[in-house]
Structure formats: structure tokens, C-alpha cells
């Protein structure tokens, strides 16, 4: 009976070890996928910026303005990537961040409770 209990204990620790390993592998996979998505996004942004600059150069070097306008009409430019201008923080979050920034004595972030 003691041997059976020991075997069950070993099997259960091995199964929890496998579960942890599977979770770890899943997290690593998700991280790699996120990094790949970010690389692809950056490549798209770079490609569009290079393409736009080449189109601008082609338009600028046209011998007449009529040809430049025609070329602009035939080869539309993509909008360059810009960062969002809207504030993604809620009012309470913004107030909390400003409070943390303005805290010179570090009373809110320091774990020493003598400031209180």
C-alpha cells in the first residue's frame, strides 16, 4: 500500500510538471507569435513609407506639371503611419499617473510606511 501511494505521488508530480511545461511552451509560442506580428507590422510601415517617398520623387522629377498631376492621379499614395492622437487613458487613470509623477517624496510608491 505504501508503494502504491508513493507511485501515485510520483505520477501526480510528473503530471503537474508536464502541465507546467505545456503552459510554459504555450506562453513561449504566444510571445513568438506576437513578436512575428510586430515584425510584419513594422515591415508594412517601412514598405509604405519607402513607396510613398519613391512616388513623391517620381512626381517631383516629371518634366511638366501636367505629367506630375497625371502620375499622382494614376499612382495614389498611401497615408503615412502616424501615432494615434487620442488619449487612451481614462480620466481617473490620467489623474493617478500625474499623481505618481508629481510625488517627489515617493510616498505612494515607496513601501516604507513612515511617509504616511
N, C-alpha and C. Protein backbone atom coordinates (compact mmCIF):
# COMPACT_ATOMS: atom_id res chain seq x y z
N UNK A 1 0.82 -1.20 0.00
CA UNK A 1 0.00 0.00 0.00
C UNK A 1 0.86 1.25 0.00
N UNK A 2 1.93 1.26 0.78
CA UNK A 2 2.82 2.42 0.81
C UNK A 2 3.47 2.64 -0.55
N UNK A 3 3.80 1.55 -1.22
CA UNK A 3 4.42 1.64 -2.54
C UNK A 3 3.42 2.24 -3.54
N UNK A 4 2.16 1.82 -3.44
CA UNK A 4 1.14 2.35 -4.33
C UNK A 4 0.96 3.86 -4.12
N UNK A 5 0.98 4.28 -2.87
CA UNK A 5 0.84 5.71 -2.57
C UNK A 5 2.04 6.50 -3.11
N UNK A 6 3.23 5.92 -2.97
CA UNK A 6 4.42 6.59 -3.49
C UNK A 6 4.39 6.69 -5.00
N UNK A 7 3.94 5.63 -5.66
CA UNK A 7 3.84 5.65 -7.12
C UNK A 7 2.83 6.71 -7.57
N UNK A 8 1.69 6.76 -6.88
CA UNK A 8 0.66 7.76 -7.23
C UNK A 8 1.20 9.17 -7.02
N UNK A 9 1.98 9.37 -5.96
CA UNK A 9 2.55 10.69 -5.69
C UNK A 9 3.53 11.09 -6.79
N UNK A 10 4.36 10.15 -7.22
CA UNK A 10 5.33 10.42 -8.29
C UNK A 10 4.61 10.74 -9.59
N UNK A 11 3.58 9.96 -9.91
CA UNK A 11 2.82 10.17 -11.15
C UNK A 11 2.13 11.53 -11.12
N UNK A 12 1.57 11.90 -9.97
CA UNK A 12 0.88 13.19 -9.89
C UNK A 12 1.86 14.36 -10.00
N UNK A 13 3.06 14.24 -9.43
CA UNK A 13 4.04 15.32 -9.56
C UNK A 13 4.54 15.41 -10.99
N UNK A 14 4.66 14.26 -11.68
CA UNK A 14 5.07 14.28 -13.08
C UNK A 14 4.01 14.94 -13.96
N UNK A 15 2.73 14.66 -13.66
CA UNK A 15 1.66 15.25 -14.47
C UNK A 15 1.58 16.76 -14.24
N UNK A 16 1.81 17.24 -13.02
CA UNK A 16 1.80 18.68 -12.79
C UNK A 16 3.02 19.32 -13.45
N UNK A 17 4.13 18.60 -13.47
CA UNK A 17 5.31 19.09 -14.17
C UNK A 17 5.06 19.21 -15.66
N UNK A 18 4.36 18.22 -16.23
CA UNK A 18 4.01 18.28 -17.65
C UNK A 18 3.07 19.44 -17.94
N UNK A 19 2.09 19.63 -17.04
CA UNK A 19 1.14 20.73 -17.23
C UNK A 19 1.87 22.08 -17.20
N UNK A 20 2.79 22.21 -16.27
CA UNK A 20 3.55 23.47 -16.20
C UNK A 20 4.40 23.66 -17.44
N UNK A 21 5.00 22.58 -17.93
CA UNK A 21 5.80 22.65 -19.14
C UNK A 21 4.93 23.02 -20.34
N UNK A 22 3.73 22.44 -20.42
CA UNK A 22 2.82 22.78 -21.52
C UNK A 22 2.39 24.24 -21.46
N UNK A 23 2.10 24.74 -20.27
CA UNK A 23 1.74 26.15 -20.11
C UNK A 23 2.90 27.05 -20.51
N UNK A 24 4.09 26.66 -20.10
CA UNK A 24 5.28 27.43 -20.44
C UNK A 24 5.49 27.46 -21.96
N UNK A 25 5.36 26.31 -22.58
CA UNK A 25 5.52 26.24 -24.04
C UNK A 25 4.45 27.05 -24.76
N UNK A 26 3.23 27.03 -24.23
CA UNK A 26 2.15 27.83 -24.83
C UNK A 26 2.45 29.32 -24.72
N UNK A 27 2.94 29.76 -23.56
CA UNK A 27 3.29 31.16 -23.39
C UNK A 27 4.43 31.57 -24.31
N UNK A 28 5.42 30.71 -24.46
CA UNK A 28 6.54 30.99 -25.36
C UNK A 28 6.02 31.12 -26.79
N UNK A 29 5.11 30.24 -27.18
CA UNK A 29 4.52 30.29 -28.52
C UNK A 29 3.76 31.58 -28.75
N UNK A 30 2.99 32.01 -27.75
CA UNK A 30 2.24 33.26 -27.87
C UNK A 30 3.18 34.45 -27.98
N UNK A 31 4.26 34.42 -27.23
CA UNK A 31 5.24 35.51 -27.29
C UNK A 31 5.90 35.57 -28.66
N UNK A 32 6.29 34.43 -29.20
CA UNK A 32 6.91 34.40 -30.52
C UNK A 32 5.93 34.88 -31.59
N UNK A 33 4.66 34.50 -31.47
CA UNK A 33 3.65 34.94 -32.44
C UNK A 33 3.46 36.46 -32.37
N UNK A 34 3.45 37.01 -31.16
CA UNK A 34 3.31 38.46 -31.02
C UNK A 34 4.52 39.19 -31.61
N UNK A 35 5.71 38.65 -31.40
CA UNK A 35 6.90 39.26 -31.98
C UNK A 35 6.86 39.21 -33.50
N UNK A 36 6.38 38.09 -34.05
CA UNK A 36 6.28 37.97 -35.51
C UNK A 36 5.27 38.96 -36.07
N UNK A 37 4.12 39.12 -35.39
CA UNK A 37 3.13 40.11 -35.83
C UNK A 37 3.71 41.50 -35.82
N UNK A 38 4.49 41.82 -34.79
CA UNK A 38 5.09 43.14 -34.70
C UNK A 38 6.11 43.36 -35.82
N UNK A 39 6.91 42.34 -36.12
CA UNK A 39 7.88 42.47 -37.22
C UNK A 39 7.17 42.70 -38.55
N UNK A 40 6.08 41.98 -38.79
CA UNK A 40 5.33 42.15 -40.03
C UNK A 40 4.72 43.55 -40.10
N UNK A 41 4.20 44.04 -38.99
CA UNK A 41 3.62 45.38 -38.96
C UNK A 41 4.67 46.43 -39.28
N UNK A 42 5.86 46.28 -38.69
CA UNK A 42 6.94 47.23 -38.95
C UNK A 42 7.41 47.17 -40.40
N UNK A 43 7.44 45.96 -40.98
CA UNK A 43 7.81 45.83 -42.39
C UNK A 43 6.80 46.53 -43.29
N UNK A 44 5.52 46.38 -42.98
CA UNK A 44 4.48 47.05 -43.78
C UNK A 44 4.63 48.57 -43.70
N UNK A 45 4.86 49.06 -42.50
CA UNK A 45 5.02 50.51 -42.33
C UNK A 45 6.23 51.00 -43.12
N UNK A 46 7.34 50.29 -43.01
CA UNK A 46 8.55 50.69 -43.72
C UNK A 46 8.34 50.64 -45.24
N UNK A 47 7.68 49.58 -45.71
CA UNK A 47 7.42 49.46 -47.15
C UNK A 47 6.57 50.63 -47.64
N UNK A 48 5.49 50.95 -46.92
CA UNK A 48 4.62 52.05 -47.35
C UNK A 48 5.35 53.38 -47.34
N UNK A 49 6.20 53.61 -46.35
CA UNK A 49 6.95 54.86 -46.30
C UNK A 49 7.93 54.96 -47.46
N UNK A 50 8.63 53.87 -47.77
CA UNK A 50 9.57 53.87 -48.89
C UNK A 50 8.82 54.07 -50.20
N UNK A 51 7.70 53.40 -50.34
CA UNK A 51 6.89 53.53 -51.57
C UNK A 51 6.42 54.97 -51.74
N UNK A 52 5.93 55.58 -50.66
CA UNK A 52 5.47 56.96 -50.74
C UNK A 52 6.59 57.91 -51.13
N UNK A 53 7.78 57.70 -50.57
CA UNK A 53 8.88 58.61 -50.90
C UNK A 53 9.31 58.43 -52.36
N UNK A 54 9.25 57.19 -52.87
CA UNK A 54 9.60 56.98 -54.28
C UNK A 54 8.57 57.63 -55.21
N UNK A 55 7.29 57.52 -54.86
CA UNK A 55 6.26 58.16 -55.68
C UNK A 55 6.43 59.67 -55.66
N UNK A 56 6.74 60.23 -54.49
CA UNK A 56 6.97 61.68 -54.40
C UNK A 56 8.14 62.11 -55.27
N UNK A 57 9.20 61.31 -55.28
CA UNK A 57 10.35 61.64 -56.13
C UNK A 57 9.99 61.56 -57.61
N UNK A 58 9.24 60.53 -57.99
CA UNK A 58 8.83 60.41 -59.39
C UNK A 58 7.98 61.60 -59.82
N UNK A 59 7.08 62.03 -58.95
CA UNK A 59 6.23 63.18 -59.27
C UNK A 59 7.08 64.44 -59.35
N UNK A 60 8.03 64.59 -58.46
CA UNK A 60 8.84 65.80 -58.44
C UNK A 60 9.72 65.92 -59.68
N UNK A 61 10.15 64.80 -60.25
CA UNK A 61 11.05 64.84 -61.40
C UNK A 61 10.34 64.78 -62.75
N UNK A 62 9.03 64.95 -62.77
CA UNK A 62 8.32 65.00 -64.04
C UNK A 62 8.65 66.31 -64.76
N UNK A 63 8.80 66.26 -66.07
CA UNK A 63 9.21 67.47 -66.79
C UNK A 63 8.14 68.56 -66.82
N UNK A 64 6.87 68.19 -66.77
CA UNK A 64 5.82 69.22 -66.77
C UNK A 64 4.87 68.95 -65.61
N UNK A 65 4.15 69.98 -65.23
CA UNK A 65 3.21 69.84 -64.12
C UNK A 65 2.03 68.96 -64.51
N UNK A 66 1.65 68.99 -65.79
CA UNK A 66 0.53 68.14 -66.23
C UNK A 66 0.90 66.66 -66.06
N UNK A 67 2.11 66.30 -66.44
CA UNK A 67 2.55 64.91 -66.25
C UNK A 67 2.61 64.55 -64.76
N UNK A 68 3.03 65.48 -63.93
CA UNK A 68 3.10 65.22 -62.50
C UNK A 68 1.70 64.97 -61.93
N UNK A 69 0.73 65.77 -62.36
CA UNK A 69 -0.64 65.59 -61.88
C UNK A 69 -1.20 64.26 -62.37
N UNK A 70 -0.93 63.92 -63.62
CA UNK A 70 -1.39 62.64 -64.16
C UNK A 70 -0.79 61.47 -63.36
N UNK A 71 0.49 61.56 -63.09
CA UNK A 71 1.14 60.49 -62.34
C UNK A 71 0.56 60.37 -60.93
N UNK A 72 0.30 61.51 -60.30
CA UNK A 72 -0.30 61.47 -58.96
C UNK A 72 -1.68 60.83 -59.00
N UNK A 73 -2.42 61.09 -60.07
CA UNK A 73 -3.76 60.51 -60.18
C UNK A 73 -3.69 59.01 -60.44
N UNK A 74 -2.69 58.57 -61.19
CA UNK A 74 -2.58 57.15 -61.52
C UNK A 74 -1.97 56.32 -60.40
N UNK A 75 -1.08 56.90 -59.64
CA UNK A 75 -0.40 56.17 -58.57
C UNK A 75 -0.76 56.81 -57.24
N UNK A 76 -1.87 56.38 -56.64
CA UNK A 76 -2.27 57.01 -55.37
C UNK A 76 -1.30 56.64 -54.24
N UNK A 77 -1.13 57.57 -53.34
CA UNK A 77 -0.24 57.33 -52.20
C UNK A 77 -1.05 56.80 -51.03
N UNK A 78 -0.39 55.96 -50.26
CA UNK A 78 -0.98 55.50 -49.02
C UNK A 78 -0.68 56.54 -47.95
N UNK A 79 -1.58 56.63 -46.99
CA UNK A 79 -1.35 57.57 -45.90
C UNK A 79 -0.18 57.08 -45.04
N UNK A 80 0.75 57.95 -44.70
CA UNK A 80 1.86 57.52 -43.84
C UNK A 80 1.34 57.19 -42.44
N UNK A 81 2.02 56.26 -41.82
CA UNK A 81 1.61 55.81 -40.49
C UNK A 81 1.88 56.91 -39.47
N UNK A 82 0.87 57.23 -38.70
CA UNK A 82 1.03 58.19 -37.61
C UNK A 82 0.51 57.56 -36.33
N UNK A 83 1.05 58.00 -35.24
CA UNK A 83 0.59 57.50 -33.95
C UNK A 83 -0.78 58.08 -33.64
N UNK A 84 -1.60 57.32 -32.93
CA UNK A 84 -2.93 57.84 -32.58
C UNK A 84 -2.81 59.08 -31.70
N UNK A 85 -3.68 60.05 -31.96
CA UNK A 85 -3.61 61.30 -31.21
C UNK A 85 -4.58 61.32 -30.03
N UNK A 86 -5.53 60.40 -29.99
CA UNK A 86 -6.48 60.42 -28.89
C UNK A 86 -5.85 59.84 -27.62
N UNK A 87 -6.34 60.27 -26.50
CA UNK A 87 -5.82 59.82 -25.22
C UNK A 87 -6.50 58.51 -24.85
N UNK A 88 -5.71 57.46 -24.67
CA UNK A 88 -6.28 56.15 -24.38
C UNK A 88 -6.53 55.94 -22.89
N UNK A 89 -6.12 56.89 -22.06
CA UNK A 89 -6.32 56.74 -20.61
C UNK A 89 -7.65 57.34 -20.18
N UNK A 90 -8.23 56.72 -19.19
CA UNK A 90 -9.42 57.28 -18.60
C UNK A 90 -9.02 58.44 -17.69
N UNK A 91 -10.01 59.23 -17.32
CA UNK A 91 -9.73 60.42 -16.50
C UNK A 91 -9.09 60.03 -15.17
N UNK A 92 -9.62 58.99 -14.54
CA UNK A 92 -9.07 58.55 -13.25
C UNK A 92 -7.64 58.02 -13.40
N UNK A 93 -7.39 57.29 -14.49
CA UNK A 93 -6.05 56.77 -14.73
C UNK A 93 -5.06 57.92 -14.97
N UNK A 94 -5.49 58.89 -15.75
CA UNK A 94 -4.63 60.05 -16.03
C UNK A 94 -4.29 60.78 -14.72
N UNK A 95 -5.28 60.95 -13.86
CA UNK A 95 -5.07 61.63 -12.58
C UNK A 95 -4.10 60.82 -11.71
N UNK A 96 -4.23 59.51 -11.71
CA UNK A 96 -3.34 58.66 -10.92
C UNK A 96 -1.90 58.75 -11.43
N UNK A 97 -1.72 58.73 -12.75
CA UNK A 97 -0.38 58.81 -13.33
C UNK A 97 0.26 60.16 -12.99
N UNK A 98 -0.52 61.23 -13.13
CA UNK A 98 0.02 62.55 -12.79
C UNK A 98 0.37 62.65 -11.31
N UNK A 99 -0.43 62.01 -10.48
CA UNK A 99 -0.15 61.99 -9.03
C UNK A 99 1.16 61.26 -8.76
N UNK A 100 1.38 60.16 -9.44
CA UNK A 100 2.62 59.40 -9.26
C UNK A 100 3.83 60.18 -9.77
N UNK A 101 3.66 60.90 -10.86
CA UNK A 101 4.76 61.68 -11.41
C UNK A 101 5.12 62.84 -10.49
N UNK A 102 4.10 63.47 -9.91
CA UNK A 102 4.34 64.64 -9.07
C UNK A 102 4.79 64.29 -7.66
N UNK A 103 4.79 63.02 -7.29
CA UNK A 103 5.14 62.61 -5.94
C UNK A 103 6.67 62.65 -5.76
N UNK A 104 7.18 63.75 -5.22
CA UNK A 104 8.62 63.90 -5.05
C UNK A 104 9.16 63.07 -3.88
N UNK A 105 8.36 62.88 -2.86
CA UNK A 105 8.81 62.14 -1.68
C UNK A 105 8.60 60.63 -1.84
N UNK A 106 8.02 60.20 -2.94
CA UNK A 106 7.75 58.79 -3.24
C UNK A 106 6.90 58.13 -2.16
N UNK A 107 5.96 58.86 -1.60
CA UNK A 107 5.09 58.29 -0.58
C UNK A 107 4.13 57.25 -1.15
N UNK A 108 3.75 57.41 -2.39
CA UNK A 108 2.79 56.47 -2.97
C UNK A 108 3.43 55.22 -3.53
N UNK A 109 4.71 55.29 -3.87
CA UNK A 109 5.36 54.13 -4.47
C UNK A 109 6.33 53.44 -3.53
N UNK A 110 6.82 54.14 -2.56
CA UNK A 110 7.78 53.55 -1.63
C UNK A 110 7.04 52.67 -0.63
N UNK A 111 7.59 51.54 -0.32
CA UNK A 111 6.92 50.61 0.59
C UNK A 111 7.21 50.94 2.05
N UNK A 112 8.00 51.95 2.31
CA UNK A 112 8.25 52.40 3.66
C UNK A 112 7.04 53.21 4.11
N UNK A 113 6.38 52.80 5.18
CA UNK A 113 5.14 53.44 5.60
C UNK A 113 5.36 54.61 6.54
N UNK A 114 6.57 55.11 6.66
CA UNK A 114 6.82 56.24 7.55
C UNK A 114 6.35 57.54 6.93
N UNK A 115 6.11 57.58 5.64
CA UNK A 115 5.64 58.81 4.98
C UNK A 115 4.19 59.12 5.34
N UNK A 116 3.44 58.10 5.73
CA UNK A 116 2.01 58.29 5.97
C UNK A 116 1.72 58.99 7.25
